Each structure stands twice: as C-alpha cells, then as structure tokens.
Amino acid sequence: MSYRSSTLSSRVCGTPLGWVRTSLVGLVTTSVWGKESLPSAPLMSLGSDSETKRKTIAFHTPTPYLYLRIFPFVLPQHPSQHPLPLTPLPDLHHKNPLENTSAGDLSSVKMEWKQTIESVTFSYKITRNNPSLGYELSKLTNTRVLFKIIFENDIIVLQLNLRAEVEWPPTWSRNHETMKAEFTFTKREKRPWMNYGFQSMGMSTGNLRVYREYQVVSNEPLSNLIHLLVVRAKEFVQIVPIGRYVQVQLDPRRIISRSYVPVPPYLHPNDMAPNYTNNCLCLMIKKYPNGFLSPSITALQVGQTLNLSNSTGSFVIGNYDRYSVIHMLAGGTGLTVMLGIIQRALVRRSVKTINLLNFNKDEENMFYVQQLKRVSGEKLKVTHILSQPKSTWTGRRGMVSDELLNELVGTNNPEACVFICGPPLFLQAAKTSLRDHLDWKSHQMYEFQ
C-alpha cells in the first residue's frame, strides 16, 4: 500500500517550500510524487509562458517530475520581502468569490492519501483547536472532485484533479476522536498510481444557502406520526455538522421551507436505515395534519424529489468536548437533534455518562424507542417521561419541573453540560428550572431552537 502525506500550503511531499511559499501569489498547484520526503534543493530554473504569462519554478530534485506551477505572480528579489496575498481561486460550485487567505489558515488542514490496486483514499485531519464542522463533495468529472471543508466562519475549497478516473460516490467515515475524515474512491482501472494527481486550494468566507434536488430512496414510518426519510442527491455528498440543520422545500417557486436536523442512519448496526448509502441524508419528519409541508413530505414515494439546502445553524459540538457528563432534555421531536450527539458521545472515551430524558405527551407520540434501548447501558441511560399516558404505562409520568429535574439531572456539576430541544414552552420551563433553581450556568447549557 502506498502512502503520502502533506500539509496544505506548507509542504509538498515533505519538502518545505521555504522562501518560495512566502512569495507566491495565485493558485498553487502541486503534484505529489513517489517519495514521502525529498531534500530541499536550490532553484534550478525560472521560465515564462509568453501566451499565458504564467511563470514556472522548477527544483532540482532526485525525480524529474516534481515542480510547482504558480499562476500569475511577481517574484520578490529576496526572500525577506513580504509575501503578497493569494489570488482568489474560482469557486466552481457557488458564484460568490473567494476571499484572500493566508497559508496559516490552510495549514490547519493536513491531507493524507493512500491507495490499493482497487481504490484511493484521501483523509483530512483538522487541528483540535480549530475543529472541522462539515464537508461537501461535488463530482465535476470522473477525474475532478470539489471538496469543501466547512468551519464555523470559513470554508476551505479544494479541487482534486485525479490521475485517473474513479467511480462515484465515494464511501466516507469520520473518526470523532482524531477529528479525521476519510473518503475512499473506487478506481475504474485497477492499477497503482504513481501519484494521486494534483490539487488546487483556496478559502471562502460565509456559506450562501443553496438548494439541491434530492430523491427519496426510502420512506418508513417510525410511529403513527413520525416518518424516516432517506434521500440522495445526484453527484453530491453532504456531511452535515452535528447539531446543524437543513432547510427543506417541496416547490422551489414557493418560499415555504421547514428546518430539519439530519439524523444518523443508525445508532446500532442492526437498525440501519432502509436503502441507506454514504451519499444519503436521513430525516425524521413529524406529520402535522394541518401543516403546510409535513403532510406532503411524509407522503413522498420512492423516486419522488424534494429540495434540501446546505447546512445552517450555529451549534459547535467541539465547544462541549471538555465535559465528561452529558445531560439531554428532549421534548417530542427534539429527540432528533440528540441522536447525532449520542452517536458521537458513545464512541468518545472522554465521555463517561450520557443521560437522556425523553419527554412525550403519550405512547402514540413516542418513536425510536427500541433503537435507543439497544444502545443504552452503562454509558447511556434513557428515561422516557409521558405527560398524558394510558393507564397501562409503567414508566415515568410528569412534565418538566424543579422536582423532576433535581431528581434526574441534579444540581450544577462542573464536569457536565445540558442540551435542551423541544417546543418553546418546554425550552423555557427547562432553562428556568436548571438556571434559577439548580444553579446550572449558561455556558454549560445549549438550547436548540
């Protein structure tokens, strides 16, 4: 197995860019070759293309293939000169221009690649003090893929120009301990690559809302009122940050949309969502008989379409990684946002206890009960609480109150945080009780609106 590693905008094949890196203006396009580390070498030649006015810097190295092509820029006369700002890289997906950026911003992302005869894998690792939130992948051609790494305020844009054709979609995985995401493409031609090709990079500020068409691949009722929809876009993969949501539209001509938090396809492998593949999103939709959208969305058949936006919201799960105890208060469909947090917390060694209080009106409104039971145990405790149950209900009864939360959550614990999601009155009652009567601090709590 071949293995390559580079830090964006700071190293190529392990070779420091030195003063050349500080002088470049424009889009840096790099080719990665057969050795993990190449020695530094003096500048060998400087050429110019009379038609494009592009300049090429070549290095004298053990391999004749290593070079940097630097699009229009002015070379400094001495390494001590100040670097000029990077020229924007055109955003091939949206029309908004990219902002200028510094190499320090891009160097927070470490890219590695490895291959087998049949596949090639690209992994991206973000420094812990700057955690990545989400990813978007777009297929441009069979050899060109656009990556977007979405941070809280910025987006790193990478275009991979691959050595040979690959199949779509890729498979992907995300390690919640190491902050690494891996994307594996199947090669169309089964043979080793001398290099992966090259990549171009840039940075964008802000994230414009864009809708894409998704096709329904399954629609399964979880209860009388809740449906699990699995949807897939064409030649596009979106990994929505935990706790963020997407806007859903049925008719792009009408300005009517609703916000839904994508949920994991499973908490336990035995509960995989029907027809799910890595390029799908899963949504849990509650049907409101008099709702504008939910009756139509829950009635969608396999093959029909709806429009989903890119992710929106402000929640950053990494801000709560210092807490070893997680309390969750979920009212009704407020459970949906908790599922992604639960999935992540279950695999993180630093989290010792997850305490979920799941509030509903009655048995008919409950959903995902068996799936939660399958993963509950020493680390995850689930308590179902009904306000108007049938006489046969043997579980907890009641509503949010000081007494109930004092018993099931307790007073302030500096090692713990509390997530709250549900209807407005539920949110207000829970927040007031925790803050005013149980001494929980604002920085320990997060309310999903």
Protein backbone atom coordinates (compact mmCIF):
# COMPACT_ATOMS: atom_id res chain seq x y z
CA MET A 1 0.00 0.00 0.00
CA SER A 2 1.30 3.42 -0.97
CA TYR A 3 1.04 6.31 1.46
CA ARG A 4 1.52 10.05 1.00
CA SER A 5 1.16 13.00 3.33
CA SER A 6 1.19 16.76 3.02
CA THR A 7 0.04 19.80 4.97
CA LEU A 8 -1.94 22.19 2.79
CA SER A 9 0.02 25.23 1.62
CA SER A 10 3.04 24.42 3.76
CA ARG A 11 4.66 21.21 2.49
CA VAL A 12 4.85 19.24 -0.73
CA CYS A 13 5.90 15.60 -0.33
CA GLY A 14 7.57 16.53 2.92
CA THR A 15 9.70 19.16 1.18
CA PRO A 16 9.50 22.62 2.83
CA LEU A 17 8.52 25.32 0.36
CA GLY A 18 10.84 27.77 2.16
CA TRP A 19 11.00 31.25 0.70
CA VAL A 20 9.10 30.18 -2.40
CA ARG A 21 6.00 29.62 -0.28
CA THR A 22 6.22 33.14 1.14
CA SER A 23 6.43 34.66 -2.33
CA LEU A 24 3.64 33.01 -4.21
CA VAL A 25 0.60 34.93 -5.33
CA GLY A 26 -2.12 32.96 -7.01
CA LEU A 27 -3.26 29.40 -7.03
CA VAL A 28 -0.63 26.87 -6.02
CA THR A 29 -0.98 23.60 -7.88
CA THR A 30 1.15 20.78 -6.55
CA SER A 31 1.93 17.30 -7.76
CA VAL A 32 2.79 14.68 -5.15
CA TRP A 33 5.27 12.02 -6.15
CA GLY A 34 6.75 8.72 -5.18
CA LYS A 35 8.73 9.62 -2.05
CA GLU A 36 7.43 10.75 1.31
CA SER A 37 10.32 13.14 1.79
CA LEU A 38 12.52 14.91 -0.73
CA PRO A 39 15.55 17.01 0.17
CA SER A 40 15.48 20.75 -0.23
CA ALA A 41 17.17 21.90 -3.42
CA PRO A 42 18.29 25.19 -4.93
CA LEU A 43 16.24 26.94 -7.55
CA MET A 44 17.14 25.44 -10.91
CA SER A 45 15.25 27.48 -13.46
CA LEU A 46 12.64 30.13 -13.90
CA GLY A 47 10.61 30.13 -17.09
CA SER A 48 7.72 32.10 -18.54
CA ASP A 49 4.89 31.16 -20.88
CA SER A 50 4.54 34.00 -23.39
CA GLU A 51 0.88 33.29 -24.08
CA THR A 52 -0.44 32.90 -20.55
CA LYS A 53 2.23 35.00 -18.81
CA ARG A 54 2.49 32.21 -16.25
CA LYS A 55 5.79 31.52 -14.53
CA THR A 56 7.10 28.11 -13.59
CA ILE A 57 9.57 27.41 -10.80
CA ALA A 58 11.44 24.12 -11.11
CA PHE A 59 13.51 22.43 -8.42
CA HIS A 60 16.49 20.22 -8.98
CA THR A 61 15.40 17.03 -7.19
CA PRO A 62 16.05 13.28 -7.42
CA THR A 63 12.92 12.96 -9.58
CA PRO A 64 12.36 15.00 -12.75
CA TYR A 65 8.61 15.20 -12.09
CA LEU A 66 8.46 17.47 -9.05
CA TYR A 67 7.54 21.04 -9.82
CA LEU A 68 5.39 23.91 -8.67
CA ARG A 69 3.35 25.84 -11.17
CA ILE A 70 2.45 29.22 -9.73
CA PHE A 71 -0.17 31.23 -11.55
CA PRO A 72 0.35 34.93 -12.23
CA PHE A 73 2.54 36.48 -9.56
CA VAL A 74 5.62 38.63 -9.08
CA LEU A 75 8.76 37.08 -7.63
CA PRO A 76 10.46 39.01 -4.84
CA GLN A 77 14.08 39.86 -5.32
CA HIS A 78 14.96 38.47 -1.92
CA PRO A 79 13.34 36.00 0.49
CA SER A 80 12.99 38.71 3.12
CA GLN A 81 10.38 40.57 1.09
CA HIS A 82 6.85 40.43 2.41
CA PRO A 83 4.57 37.88 0.77
CA LEU A 84 1.76 39.12 -1.41
CA PRO A 85 -1.85 37.97 -0.80
CA LEU A 86 -3.15 34.90 -2.57
CA THR A 87 -5.23 35.42 -5.69
CA PRO A 88 -8.77 34.05 -5.25
CA LEU A 89 -9.44 30.54 -6.54
CA PRO A 90 -12.70 30.50 -8.52
CA ASP A 91 -15.44 28.70 -6.59
CA LEU A 92 -16.75 26.12 -9.03
CA HIS A 93 -19.89 25.42 -7.03
CA HIS A 94 -21.21 28.80 -5.95
CA LYS A 95 -20.83 32.12 -7.69
CA ASN A 96 -19.62 34.10 -4.70
CA PRO A 97 -15.90 34.96 -4.97
CA LEU A 98 -13.38 33.54 -2.58
CA GLU A 99 -11.71 35.84 -0.12
CA ASN A 100 -7.96 36.19 0.11
CA THR A 101 -6.40 33.87 2.62
CA SER A 102 -3.07 33.11 4.23
CA ALA A 103 -1.10 29.91 4.26
CA GLY A 104 -1.60 29.74 8.02
CA ASP A 105 -5.31 29.26 7.56
CA LEU A 106 -4.92 26.45 5.05
CA SER A 107 -2.14 24.79 7.01
CA SER A 108 -4.61 23.87 9.75
CA VAL A 109 -5.72 21.02 7.47
CA LYS A 110 -3.48 18.01 6.97
CA MET A 111 -4.19 15.90 3.91
CA GLU A 112 -3.01 12.31 3.57
CA TRP A 113 -3.62 9.81 0.81
CA LYS A 114 -3.16 6.09 0.41
CA GLN A 115 -4.11 3.57 -2.22
CA THR A 116 -4.65 -0.06 -3.08
CA ILE A 117 -4.89 -1.57 -6.54
CA GLU A 118 -8.65 -1.01 -6.45
CA SER A 119 -9.13 2.23 -4.51
CA VAL A 120 -7.64 5.54 -3.41
CA THR A 121 -8.37 7.18 -0.05
CA PHE A 122 -7.99 10.82 0.95
CA SER A 123 -8.11 11.80 4.61
CA TYR A 124 -8.33 15.26 6.13
CA LYS A 125 -7.39 15.99 9.72
CA ILE A 126 -8.12 19.27 11.44
CA THR A 127 -6.20 20.58 14.44
CA ARG A 128 -8.16 20.19 17.67
CA ASN A 129 -8.13 23.91 18.42
CA ASN A 130 -9.86 24.50 15.09
CA PRO A 131 -12.29 21.59 14.66
CA SER A 132 -13.84 20.96 11.29
CA LEU A 133 -17.60 21.05 11.20
CA GLY A 134 -18.73 19.56 7.92
CA TYR A 135 -17.86 18.52 4.39
CA GLU A 136 -19.36 18.84 0.92
CA LEU A 137 -18.16 16.86 -2.11
CA SER A 138 -19.22 17.55 -5.68
CA LYS A 139 -18.38 15.47 -8.73
CA LEU A 140 -17.14 17.69 -11.55
CA THR A 141 -15.91 14.93 -13.87
CA ASN A 142 -14.69 11.36 -13.41
CA THR A 143 -11.25 12.77 -12.54
CA ARG A 144 -12.16 16.04 -10.79
CA VAL A 145 -13.78 16.36 -7.36
CA LEU A 146 -14.56 19.54 -5.44
CA PHE A 147 -14.12 19.31 -1.65
CA LYS A 148 -15.43 21.91 0.77
CA ILE A 149 -14.33 21.74 4.40
CA ILE A 150 -16.79 23.86 6.36
CA PHE A 151 -15.64 25.64 9.52
CA GLU A 152 -17.65 27.90 11.79
CA ASN A 153 -16.97 31.03 9.72
CA ASP A 154 -14.86 29.92 6.76
CA ILE A 155 -14.81 27.30 4.03
CA ILE A 156 -11.66 25.72 2.63
CA VAL A 157 -12.18 24.79 -1.02
CA LEU A 158 -10.07 22.04 -2.57
CA GLN A 159 -10.27 20.78 -6.13
CA LEU A 160 -8.73 17.35 -6.63
CA ASN A 161 -7.54 16.65 -10.15
CA LEU A 162 -7.02 12.91 -10.02
CA ARG A 163 -4.51 10.90 -12.01
CA ALA A 164 -7.19 8.58 -13.39
CA GLU A 165 -10.94 8.06 -13.39
CA VAL A 166 -12.82 6.97 -10.26
CA GLU A 167 -16.33 5.81 -9.51
CA TRP A 168 -18.96 7.93 -7.76
CA PRO A 169 -20.00 8.12 -4.96
CA PRO A 170 -17.10 7.66 -2.56
CA THR A 171 -17.50 5.96 0.79
CA TRP A 172 -16.60 8.03 3.82
CA SER A 173 -16.01 7.69 7.54
CA ARG A 174 -15.35 10.15 10.35
CA ASN A 175 -13.31 9.49 13.48
CA HIS A 176 -14.76 11.52 16.36
CA GLU A 177 -11.62 11.03 18.48
CA THR A 178 -8.95 12.09 15.98
CA MET A 179 -11.10 14.58 14.01
CA LYS A 180 -10.11 12.78 10.79
CA ALA A 181 -12.47 12.22 7.86
CA GLU A 182 -11.65 9.67 5.14
CA PHE A 183 -13.07 9.49 1.61
CA THR A 184 -12.44 6.39 -0.48
CA PHE A 185 -12.96 6.26 -4.24
CA THR A 186 -13.02 3.08 -6.33
CA LYS A 187 -10.63 3.22 -9.29
CA ARG A 188 -12.14 2.49 -12.67
CA GLU A 189 -8.88 1.00 -13.87
CA LYS A 190 -7.40 -1.38 -11.30
CA ARG A 191 -3.74 -0.42 -11.18
CA PRO A 192 -1.42 1.56 -8.87
CA TRP A 193 -0.99 5.29 -9.37
CA MET A 194 2.45 6.94 -9.37
CA ASN A 195 0.78 9.92 -7.69
CA TYR A 196 -2.76 11.00 -6.93
CA GLY A 197 -2.62 13.92 -9.38
CA PHE A 198 -2.69 17.44 -8.00
CA GLN A 199 -4.95 19.73 -6.03
CA SER A 200 -5.78 23.42 -6.02
CA MET A 201 -6.96 25.23 -2.93
CA GLY A 202 -8.49 28.43 -1.69
CA MET A 203 -10.73 29.83 1.02
CA SER A 204 -14.21 31.34 1.15
CA THR A 205 -15.88 33.43 3.84
CA GLY A 206 -19.54 32.75 4.54
CA ASN A 207 -21.78 29.99 3.29
CA LEU A 208 -24.57 31.03 0.95
CA ARG A 209 -27.74 29.00 1.16
CA VAL A 210 -28.11 26.79 -1.90
CA TYR A 211 -30.82 24.21 -2.55
CA ARG A 212 -30.25 20.92 -4.35
CA GLU A 213 -32.64 18.29 -5.54
CA TYR A 214 -32.71 15.06 -3.54
CA GLN A 215 -34.51 11.87 -4.47
CA VAL A 216 -36.36 9.76 -1.91
CA VAL A 217 -34.85 6.27 -1.63
CA SER A 218 -37.00 5.13 1.31
CA ASN A 219 -39.86 6.43 3.46
CA GLU A 220 -40.51 4.34 6.57
CA PRO A 221 -42.98 5.14 9.37
CA LEU A 222 -41.38 5.02 12.82
CA SER A 223 -44.73 5.61 14.54
CA ASN A 224 -48.19 6.85 13.63
CA LEU A 225 -46.83 10.38 13.33
CA ILE A 226 -43.09 10.11 12.56
CA HIS A 227 -41.53 9.09 9.24
CA LEU A 228 -37.87 8.33 8.49
CA LEU A 229 -36.93 9.61 5.03
CA VAL A 230 -33.69 8.60 3.34
CA VAL A 231 -32.81 10.93 0.46
CA ARG A 232 -29.94 11.15 -2.02
CA ALA A 233 -28.58 13.91 -4.28
CA LYS A 234 -27.01 13.32 -7.67
CA GLU A 235 -23.21 13.61 -7.78
CA PHE A 236 -23.10 15.39 -4.43
CA VAL A 237 -22.33 14.31 -0.86
CA GLN A 238 -23.07 16.48 2.18
CA ILE A 239 -21.83 15.64 5.68
CA VAL A 240 -23.87 17.94 7.88
CA PRO A 241 -22.19 19.08 11.11
CA ILE A 242 -23.69 17.55 14.25
CA GLY A 243 -26.46 19.74 15.61
CA ARG A 244 -26.87 21.74 12.40
CA TYR A 245 -29.98 21.57 10.23
CA VAL A 246 -31.06 21.83 6.60
CA GLN A 247 -33.99 23.67 5.07
CA VAL A 248 -36.48 21.50 3.15
CA GLN A 249 -38.63 22.72 0.25
CA LEU A 250 -41.06 20.87 -2.00
CA ASP A 251 -41.70 23.61 -4.54
CA PRO A 252 -38.80 25.99 -5.24
CA ARG A 253 -41.27 28.51 -6.68
CA ARG A 254 -42.90 28.94 -3.26
CA ILE A 255 -40.96 30.41 -0.34
CA ILE A 256 -42.08 27.76 2.12
CA SER A 257 -39.48 25.70 3.91
CA ARG A 258 -39.02 23.88 7.19
CA SER A 259 -35.88 23.13 9.19
CA TYR A 260 -34.89 19.54 9.98
CA VAL A 261 -31.80 18.13 11.65
CA PRO A 262 -30.32 15.18 9.70
CA VAL A 263 -30.06 12.12 11.91
CA PRO A 264 -27.53 9.27 11.82
CA PRO A 265 -28.59 6.25 9.74
CA TYR A 266 -28.32 4.13 12.90
CA LEU A 267 -27.16 4.05 16.50
CA HIS A 268 -26.79 0.27 16.43
CA PRO A 269 -25.74 -1.50 13.19
CA ASN A 270 -28.83 -3.71 13.35
CA ASP A 271 -31.01 -0.61 12.91
CA MET A 272 -29.55 0.71 9.64
CA ALA A 273 -31.96 3.00 7.77
CA PRO A 274 -33.51 1.29 4.70
CA ASN A 275 -31.58 1.71 1.42
CA TYR A 276 -29.03 3.98 3.08
CA THR A 277 -25.69 4.57 1.36
CA ASN A 278 -22.89 7.00 2.22
CA ASN A 279 -24.20 9.70 -0.11
CA CYS A 280 -27.62 9.85 1.60
CA LEU A 281 -29.14 12.02 4.31
CA CYS A 282 -31.71 10.78 6.84
CA LEU A 283 -34.54 12.98 8.12
CA MET A 284 -37.17 12.27 10.77
CA ILE A 285 -40.36 14.15 9.91
CA LYS A 286 -43.40 14.52 12.16
CA LYS A 287 -46.71 14.73 10.32
CA TYR A 288 -48.91 17.61 11.44
CA PRO A 289 -52.37 17.14 9.84
CA ASN A 290 -52.79 20.88 9.24
CA GLY A 291 -49.14 21.59 8.46
CA PHE A 292 -48.00 23.39 5.30
CA LEU A 293 -45.31 20.86 4.37
CA SER A 294 -45.19 17.84 6.69
CA PRO A 295 -48.26 16.02 5.26
CA SER A 296 -46.79 16.26 1.75
CA ILE A 297 -43.24 15.35 2.82
CA THR A 298 -44.33 12.28 4.77
CA ALA A 299 -46.43 11.17 1.77
CA LEU A 300 -43.50 11.19 -0.67
CA GLN A 301 -42.92 7.94 -2.54
CA VAL A 302 -39.61 6.36 -3.53
CA GLY A 303 -38.31 8.16 -6.61
CA GLN A 304 -40.04 11.46 -5.89
CA THR A 305 -37.96 14.53 -5.10
CA LEU A 306 -37.62 17.41 -2.67
CA ASN A 307 -35.10 20.22 -2.26
CA LEU A 308 -32.61 20.45 0.61
CA SER A 309 -30.31 23.33 1.47
CA ASN A 310 -26.74 23.20 2.66
CA SER A 311 -26.34 23.14 6.43
CA THR A 312 -27.25 26.13 8.59
CA GLY A 313 -27.14 26.88 12.30
CA SER A 314 -24.59 27.93 14.90
CA PHE A 315 -24.06 24.89 17.14
CA VAL A 316 -20.43 23.74 17.52
CA ILE A 317 -20.21 20.35 19.24
CA GLY A 318 -16.48 20.78 19.90
CA ASN A 319 -17.21 23.59 22.37
CA TYR A 320 -18.59 20.97 24.79
CA ASP A 321 -15.86 18.35 24.47
CA ARG A 322 -14.41 19.32 27.84
CA TYR A 323 -17.42 17.84 29.65
CA SER A 324 -17.42 14.17 30.63
CA VAL A 325 -21.13 14.06 31.52
CA ILE A 326 -23.86 14.96 29.02
CA HIS A 327 -27.47 15.55 30.08
CA MET A 328 -30.15 15.77 27.39
CA LEU A 329 -33.70 17.04 27.72
CA ALA A 330 -35.70 16.19 24.59
CA GLY A 331 -39.33 17.18 24.10
CA GLY A 332 -41.13 15.37 21.26
CA THR A 333 -39.21 15.66 18.00
CA GLY A 334 -36.48 17.46 19.96
CA LEU A 335 -35.06 13.95 20.20
CA THR A 336 -33.84 14.13 16.60
CA VAL A 337 -31.03 16.61 17.30
CA MET A 338 -29.86 14.48 20.23
CA LEU A 339 -29.28 11.36 18.12
CA GLY A 340 -26.17 12.67 16.38
CA ILE A 341 -24.74 13.88 19.69
CA ILE A 342 -25.44 10.46 21.23
CA GLN A 343 -23.77 8.61 18.36
CA ARG A 344 -20.64 10.76 18.69
CA ALA A 345 -20.54 10.62 22.51
CA LEU A 346 -20.84 6.83 22.57
CA VAL A 347 -17.51 6.42 20.77
CA ARG A 348 -15.60 9.14 22.62
CA ARG A 349 -13.52 7.88 25.54
CA SER A 350 -13.68 11.24 27.32
CA VAL A 351 -17.47 10.98 27.73
CA LYS A 352 -18.33 8.85 30.76
CA THR A 353 -22.11 9.34 31.07
CA ILE A 354 -24.96 10.26 28.71
CA ASN A 355 -28.28 10.92 30.46
CA LEU A 356 -31.26 11.29 28.09
CA LEU A 357 -34.65 12.42 29.40
CA ASN A 358 -37.14 11.86 26.57
CA PHE A 359 -40.44 13.72 27.12
CA ASN A 360 -43.61 12.98 25.14
CA LYS A 361 -47.35 13.51 25.52
CA ASP A 362 -48.39 9.85 25.19
CA GLU A 363 -47.38 6.49 23.72
CA GLU A 364 -48.57 7.48 20.23
CA ASN A 365 -46.01 10.28 20.10
CA MET A 366 -43.06 8.10 21.10
CA PHE A 367 -40.58 6.98 18.44
CA TYR A 368 -37.12 5.38 18.15
CA VAL A 369 -37.71 3.65 21.48
CA GLN A 370 -36.32 0.22 20.61
CA GLN A 371 -33.32 1.70 18.81
CA LEU A 372 -32.41 3.71 21.91
CA LYS A 373 -32.93 0.68 24.13
CA ARG A 374 -30.50 -1.32 22.01
CA VAL A 375 -27.60 1.08 22.71
CA SER A 376 -28.50 2.03 26.29
CA GLY A 377 -26.49 0.56 29.13
CA GLU A 378 -23.67 1.60 31.42
CA LYS A 379 -22.75 4.71 29.40
CA LEU A 380 -26.15 5.76 28.03
CA LYS A 381 -29.18 5.98 30.31
CA VAL A 382 -32.58 6.68 28.72
CA THR A 383 -35.66 7.73 30.73
CA HIS A 384 -38.99 8.09 28.91
CA ILE A 385 -41.42 10.51 30.57
CA LEU A 386 -45.06 10.89 29.45
CA SER A 387 -47.41 13.70 30.48
CA GLN A 388 -50.69 12.03 29.44
CA PRO A 389 -50.05 8.27 29.23
CA LYS A 390 -52.56 5.46 29.17
CA SER A 391 -53.34 3.67 32.40
CA THR A 392 -51.15 0.77 31.26
CA TRP A 393 -48.00 2.93 31.14
CA THR A 394 -45.46 1.75 33.73
CA GLY A 395 -42.76 4.34 33.08
CA ARG A 396 -42.22 7.83 34.46
CA ARG A 397 -45.08 10.34 34.35
CA GLY A 398 -44.96 14.09 34.51
CA MET A 399 -43.69 17.26 32.89
CA VAL A 400 -40.61 19.43 33.30
CA SER A 401 -40.45 20.62 36.92
CA ASP A 402 -37.88 21.55 39.55
CA GLU A 403 -38.52 18.33 41.44
CA LEU A 404 -38.20 16.09 38.38
CA LEU A 405 -35.01 17.72 37.11
CA ASN A 406 -33.47 17.79 40.58
CA GLU A 407 -34.01 14.03 40.77
CA LEU A 408 -32.94 13.06 37.24
CA VAL A 409 -30.34 15.74 36.43
CA GLY A 410 -29.33 17.22 39.77
CA THR A 411 -27.68 20.46 40.73
CA ASN A 412 -24.78 22.01 38.88
CA ASN A 413 -21.89 19.68 38.11
CA PRO A 414 -18.83 21.49 36.67
CA GLU A 415 -17.96 18.34 34.71
CA ALA A 416 -21.35 18.26 32.94
CA CYS A 417 -23.31 20.06 30.22
CA VAL A 418 -27.01 20.09 29.32
CA PHE A 419 -28.58 20.09 25.85
CA ILE A 420 -32.26 21.06 25.52
CA CYS A 421 -34.55 20.78 22.50
CA GLY A 422 -38.33 20.85 22.20
CA PRO A 423 -41.35 23.17 21.90
CA PRO A 424 -40.93 26.79 23.11
CA LEU A 425 -42.75 26.31 26.44
CA PHE A 426 -40.71 23.16 27.11
CA LEU A 427 -37.47 25.05 26.44
CA GLN A 428 -38.42 27.92 28.69
CA ALA A 429 -39.50 25.70 31.59
CA ALA A 430 -36.35 23.56 31.39
CA LYS A 431 -34.00 26.52 31.13
CA THR A 432 -35.62 28.38 34.01
CA SER A 433 -35.55 25.35 36.29
CA LEU A 434 -31.93 24.48 35.53
CA ARG A 435 -30.62 28.03 35.78
CA ASP A 436 -32.70 29.53 38.58
CA HIS A 437 -33.27 26.55 40.84
CA LEU A 438 -30.48 24.05 40.13
CA ASP A 439 -27.63 26.56 39.62
CA TRP A 440 -26.60 25.48 36.10
CA LYS A 441 -24.58 28.15 34.26
CA SER A 442 -25.32 29.49 30.79
CA HIS A 443 -22.02 28.23 29.35
CA GLN A 444 -22.96 24.68 30.39
CA MET A 445 -26.29 24.72 28.56
CA TYR A 446 -27.32 24.87 24.92
CA GLU A 447 -30.89 25.28 23.65
CA PHE A 448 -31.70 24.11 20.15
CA GLN A 449 -34.39 26.46 18.84
